[in-house]
Each structure stands twice: as structure tokens, then as C-alpha cells.
N, C-alpha and C. Protein backbone atom coordinates (compact mmCIF):
# COMPACT_ATOMS: atom_id res chain seq x y z
N MET A 1 52.02 -145.96 77.75
CA MET A 1 51.58 -146.35 79.07
C MET A 1 50.06 -146.52 79.04
N SER A 2 49.57 -147.66 79.46
CA SER A 2 48.13 -147.90 79.45
C SER A 2 47.53 -147.58 80.81
N ALA A 3 46.32 -147.08 80.78
CA ALA A 3 45.64 -146.72 82.02
C ALA A 3 45.09 -147.98 82.68
N THR A 4 45.23 -148.04 83.98
CA THR A 4 44.68 -149.15 84.74
C THR A 4 43.18 -148.94 84.88
N PRO A 5 42.37 -149.92 84.51
CA PRO A 5 40.92 -149.73 84.65
C PRO A 5 40.54 -149.64 86.12
N LEU A 6 39.59 -148.79 86.39
CA LEU A 6 39.13 -148.64 87.76
C LEU A 6 38.24 -149.81 88.16
N PRO A 7 38.34 -150.22 89.40
CA PRO A 7 37.49 -151.32 89.86
C PRO A 7 36.06 -150.84 90.06
N ASP A 8 35.13 -151.79 89.95
CA ASP A 8 33.74 -151.50 90.29
C ASP A 8 33.61 -151.36 91.79
N VAL A 9 32.68 -150.55 92.21
CA VAL A 9 32.31 -150.43 93.62
C VAL A 9 31.00 -151.21 93.75
N ILE A 10 31.07 -152.33 94.47
CA ILE A 10 29.92 -153.23 94.59
C ILE A 10 29.16 -152.91 95.87
N LEU A 11 27.85 -152.78 95.76
CA LEU A 11 26.98 -152.59 96.92
C LEU A 11 26.07 -153.81 97.02
N TYR A 12 26.25 -154.57 98.09
CA TYR A 12 25.37 -155.71 98.38
C TYR A 12 24.17 -155.16 99.14
N THR A 13 22.98 -155.50 98.65
CA THR A 13 21.74 -154.93 99.17
C THR A 13 20.61 -155.94 99.03
N ARG A 14 19.43 -155.53 99.42
CA ARG A 14 18.21 -156.31 99.15
C ARG A 14 17.04 -155.35 99.17
N ASP A 15 15.95 -155.73 98.53
CA ASP A 15 14.74 -154.89 98.51
C ASP A 15 14.25 -154.67 99.93
N GLY A 16 13.75 -153.47 100.19
CA GLY A 16 13.18 -153.15 101.48
C GLY A 16 14.19 -152.76 102.54
N CYS A 17 15.45 -152.67 102.19
CA CYS A 17 16.50 -152.30 103.14
C CYS A 17 16.71 -150.79 103.06
N HIS A 18 16.16 -150.06 104.03
CA HIS A 18 16.28 -148.60 103.97
C HIS A 18 17.72 -148.14 104.18
N LEU A 19 18.50 -148.89 104.96
CA LEU A 19 19.92 -148.54 105.12
C LEU A 19 20.65 -148.68 103.79
N CYS A 20 20.26 -149.69 103.02
CA CYS A 20 20.86 -149.89 101.70
C CYS A 20 20.54 -148.72 100.77
N ASP A 21 19.31 -148.23 100.83
CA ASP A 21 18.90 -147.09 100.01
C ASP A 21 19.73 -145.86 100.37
N GLU A 22 19.93 -145.62 101.66
CA GLU A 22 20.71 -144.48 102.12
C GLU A 22 22.18 -144.62 101.71
N THR A 23 22.71 -145.83 101.83
CA THR A 23 24.10 -146.06 101.47
C THR A 23 24.30 -145.90 99.97
N ARG A 24 23.35 -146.37 99.16
CA ARG A 24 23.43 -146.22 97.71
C ARG A 24 23.58 -144.73 97.35
N ALA A 25 22.73 -143.90 97.92
CA ALA A 25 22.78 -142.47 97.63
C ALA A 25 24.10 -141.86 98.11
N LEU A 26 24.56 -142.28 99.28
CA LEU A 26 25.79 -141.75 99.83
C LEU A 26 27.00 -142.15 98.98
N VAL A 27 27.08 -143.42 98.62
CA VAL A 27 28.21 -143.88 97.80
C VAL A 27 28.21 -143.17 96.45
N GLN A 28 27.05 -143.05 95.83
CA GLN A 28 26.97 -142.36 94.54
C GLN A 28 27.45 -140.91 94.67
N SER A 29 27.05 -140.25 95.74
CA SER A 29 27.48 -138.88 95.99
C SER A 29 28.99 -138.80 96.19
N LEU A 30 29.54 -139.73 96.96
CA LEU A 30 30.99 -139.74 97.21
C LEU A 30 31.76 -140.01 95.91
N LEU A 31 31.27 -140.90 95.07
CA LEU A 31 31.93 -141.18 93.81
C LEU A 31 31.87 -139.96 92.88
N GLU A 32 30.74 -139.28 92.85
CA GLU A 32 30.61 -138.07 92.04
C GLU A 32 31.55 -136.98 92.53
N ASP A 33 31.68 -136.86 93.86
CA ASP A 33 32.59 -135.87 94.45
C ASP A 33 34.04 -136.18 94.07
N ARG A 34 34.41 -137.46 94.15
CA ARG A 34 35.77 -137.85 93.77
C ARG A 34 36.04 -137.50 92.31
N ALA A 35 35.11 -137.81 91.44
CA ALA A 35 35.27 -137.53 90.01
C ALA A 35 35.39 -136.03 89.76
N ALA A 36 34.59 -135.23 90.46
CA ALA A 36 34.63 -133.77 90.30
C ALA A 36 35.97 -133.20 90.75
N ARG A 37 36.63 -133.88 91.68
CA ARG A 37 37.93 -133.42 92.16
C ARG A 37 39.09 -134.06 91.39
N GLY A 38 38.76 -134.78 90.31
CA GLY A 38 39.79 -135.39 89.49
C GLY A 38 40.41 -136.64 90.08
N ARG A 39 39.75 -137.23 91.05
CA ARG A 39 40.24 -138.46 91.67
C ARG A 39 39.52 -139.65 91.04
N PRO A 40 40.15 -140.81 91.06
CA PRO A 40 39.52 -141.98 90.44
C PRO A 40 38.23 -142.37 91.15
N ALA A 41 37.23 -142.68 90.35
CA ALA A 41 35.94 -143.10 90.90
C ALA A 41 35.41 -144.25 90.05
N GLY A 42 35.27 -145.41 90.65
CA GLY A 42 34.74 -146.56 89.93
C GLY A 42 33.25 -146.43 89.72
N LEU A 43 32.70 -147.40 89.02
CA LEU A 43 31.25 -147.44 88.79
C LEU A 43 30.57 -148.21 89.91
N LEU A 44 29.45 -147.70 90.37
CA LEU A 44 28.66 -148.37 91.39
C LEU A 44 27.82 -149.46 90.75
N ARG A 45 27.98 -150.67 91.26
CA ARG A 45 27.20 -151.82 90.80
C ARG A 45 26.51 -152.43 92.02
N GLU A 46 25.27 -152.83 91.85
CA GLU A 46 24.54 -153.44 92.96
C GLU A 46 24.37 -154.93 92.77
N ARG A 47 24.39 -155.62 93.90
CA ARG A 47 24.12 -157.05 93.90
C ARG A 47 23.05 -157.31 94.96
N ASP A 48 21.93 -157.85 94.51
CA ASP A 48 20.84 -158.21 95.41
C ASP A 48 21.19 -159.55 96.06
N ILE A 49 21.36 -159.54 97.37
CA ILE A 49 21.79 -160.77 98.04
C ILE A 49 20.77 -161.89 97.94
N THR A 50 19.51 -161.55 97.68
CA THR A 50 18.49 -162.60 97.58
C THR A 50 18.59 -163.37 96.26
N ALA A 51 19.41 -162.89 95.34
CA ALA A 51 19.59 -163.57 94.05
C ALA A 51 20.65 -164.67 94.12
N ASN A 52 21.34 -164.77 95.26
CA ASN A 52 22.44 -165.72 95.37
C ASN A 52 22.47 -166.24 96.82
N GLU A 53 22.30 -167.54 96.99
CA GLU A 53 22.23 -168.11 98.35
C GLU A 53 23.49 -167.82 99.16
N GLU A 54 24.64 -167.88 98.53
CA GLU A 54 25.90 -167.63 99.25
C GLU A 54 25.97 -166.18 99.74
N TRP A 55 25.60 -165.22 98.88
CA TRP A 55 25.59 -163.82 99.30
C TRP A 55 24.60 -163.62 100.44
N GLU A 56 23.44 -164.25 100.33
CA GLU A 56 22.42 -164.08 101.37
C GLU A 56 22.93 -164.62 102.71
N ARG A 57 23.55 -165.80 102.68
CA ARG A 57 24.12 -166.35 103.92
C ARG A 57 25.21 -165.45 104.47
N GLN A 58 26.07 -165.00 103.59
CA GLN A 58 27.23 -164.23 104.00
C GLN A 58 26.89 -162.82 104.49
N PHE A 59 25.93 -162.16 103.85
CA PHE A 59 25.71 -160.73 104.11
C PHE A 59 24.37 -160.38 104.76
N PHE A 60 23.51 -161.36 105.02
CA PHE A 60 22.16 -161.04 105.50
C PHE A 60 22.18 -160.10 106.71
N ALA A 61 23.05 -160.35 107.67
CA ALA A 61 23.07 -159.55 108.91
C ALA A 61 23.99 -158.35 108.83
N THR A 62 24.69 -158.17 107.70
CA THR A 62 25.67 -157.08 107.65
C THR A 62 25.46 -156.10 106.50
N ILE A 63 24.35 -156.24 105.73
CA ILE A 63 24.12 -155.28 104.65
C ILE A 63 23.72 -153.94 105.25
N PRO A 64 24.02 -152.88 104.58
CA PRO A 64 24.71 -152.79 103.30
C PRO A 64 26.21 -153.07 103.44
N VAL A 65 26.73 -153.75 102.43
CA VAL A 65 28.15 -154.05 102.34
C VAL A 65 28.68 -153.43 101.06
N VAL A 66 29.79 -152.71 101.19
CA VAL A 66 30.44 -152.11 100.02
C VAL A 66 31.75 -152.85 99.82
N GLU A 67 32.02 -153.21 98.56
CA GLU A 67 33.22 -153.98 98.23
C GLU A 67 33.95 -153.35 97.05
N VAL A 68 35.26 -153.27 97.17
CA VAL A 68 36.12 -152.83 96.07
C VAL A 68 37.30 -153.79 96.03
N ARG A 69 37.42 -154.53 94.93
CA ARG A 69 38.52 -155.49 94.73
C ARG A 69 38.76 -156.39 95.95
N GLY A 70 37.70 -156.96 96.47
CA GLY A 70 37.83 -157.90 97.57
C GLY A 70 37.89 -157.27 98.95
N ARG A 71 38.09 -155.97 99.04
CA ARG A 71 38.05 -155.27 100.33
C ARG A 71 36.58 -154.97 100.62
N ARG A 72 36.17 -155.23 101.85
CA ARG A 72 34.76 -155.02 102.19
C ARG A 72 34.59 -154.14 103.42
N LEU A 73 33.54 -153.34 103.36
CA LEU A 73 33.10 -152.56 104.51
C LEU A 73 31.67 -153.01 104.80
N GLU A 74 31.49 -153.70 105.91
CA GLU A 74 30.16 -154.18 106.29
C GLU A 74 29.44 -153.13 107.11
N LEU A 75 28.10 -153.21 107.12
CA LEU A 75 27.26 -152.21 107.78
C LEU A 75 27.73 -150.81 107.39
N ALA A 76 27.86 -150.61 106.10
CA ALA A 76 28.43 -149.39 105.54
C ALA A 76 27.40 -148.26 105.58
N THR A 77 27.28 -147.60 106.70
CA THR A 77 26.29 -146.54 106.84
C THR A 77 26.89 -145.20 107.26
N SER A 78 28.13 -145.18 107.68
CA SER A 78 28.78 -143.96 108.14
C SER A 78 29.44 -143.24 106.97
N ALA A 79 29.09 -141.98 106.77
CA ALA A 79 29.67 -141.20 105.68
C ALA A 79 31.19 -141.13 105.80
N GLY A 80 31.69 -140.91 107.00
CA GLY A 80 33.14 -140.81 107.21
C GLY A 80 33.85 -142.11 106.90
N LYS A 81 33.29 -143.23 107.37
CA LYS A 81 33.91 -144.53 107.11
C LYS A 81 33.86 -144.87 105.63
N LEU A 82 32.74 -144.57 104.99
CA LEU A 82 32.62 -144.83 103.56
C LEU A 82 33.62 -144.00 102.76
N ARG A 83 33.77 -142.73 103.11
CA ARG A 83 34.73 -141.86 102.40
C ARG A 83 36.15 -142.41 102.55
N ARG A 84 36.54 -142.76 103.78
CA ARG A 84 37.88 -143.31 104.01
C ARG A 84 38.07 -144.63 103.25
N PHE A 85 37.07 -145.49 103.32
CA PHE A 85 37.14 -146.78 102.63
C PHE A 85 37.33 -146.59 101.13
N LEU A 86 36.51 -145.74 100.52
CA LEU A 86 36.61 -145.49 99.09
C LEU A 86 37.94 -144.84 98.73
N ASP A 87 38.38 -143.89 99.54
CA ASP A 87 39.67 -143.25 99.29
C ASP A 87 40.80 -144.28 99.28
N GLU A 88 40.84 -145.12 100.30
CA GLU A 88 41.89 -146.12 100.39
C GLU A 88 41.79 -147.15 99.26
N ALA A 89 40.59 -147.68 99.04
CA ALA A 89 40.43 -148.75 98.05
C ALA A 89 40.63 -148.24 96.62
N LEU A 90 40.08 -147.09 96.28
CA LEU A 90 40.20 -146.60 94.92
C LEU A 90 41.58 -146.01 94.64
N ASP A 91 42.17 -145.34 95.62
CA ASP A 91 43.51 -144.80 95.41
C ASP A 91 44.53 -145.95 95.32
N ALA A 92 44.32 -147.02 96.06
CA ALA A 92 45.22 -148.18 96.00
C ALA A 92 45.14 -148.87 94.65
N ALA A 93 44.01 -148.73 93.98
CA ALA A 93 43.84 -149.36 92.67
C ALA A 93 44.77 -148.73 91.63
N LEU A 94 45.25 -147.54 91.90
CA LEU A 94 46.13 -146.85 90.95
C LEU A 94 47.59 -147.26 91.10
N VAL A 95 47.92 -147.85 92.21
CA VAL A 95 49.31 -148.21 92.49
C VAL A 95 49.72 -149.46 91.76
């Protein structure tokens, strides 16, 4: 039986976004907590929206945005919402 690779956790951000900085720290903490409890935790990857015109158009007013396998949480600043989102998205990746 082969293990299913965990999906990346993508954080759409841009320089100077203090909400993005806070969300980065929160997501990293939540992923570390999941790993410590033996639950699946993907790797956090960042995408600077200013590096891609489509991302900038799509996410300018809604960053920070967290994405896992096409599921997105926009204005991702609530610890409770982020925890639920990651739980649902990462646990669904195992099914």
C-alpha cells in the first residue's frame, strides 16, 4: 500500500501585508500542532500575488488566501476558521 502524498498548503500573500504575516505564523503553528498530534500536515508554500497578474487580479482584495487542492479560504485571518479549513482539507486528502 503506497502512502498518498500530502498536498501543499498555499498561502497567497504580498509584501507589506501585515494580515498575511499573521496568517503565515498562524498556519505554520496549526500545521506544527497537527504534526505533533500525528495528523497529516502539508508543507506551507507561499505565492506572492504581485509575481503573477492573474493572482493579483484574483486575490488583491481578499489576501491572505489559503488554498489546499483547489479549496480556498479567503481573508484567512480567523484561527478557528483556519483550523477547521485545514482539518477538513487535509483530512479529506487522506480519503
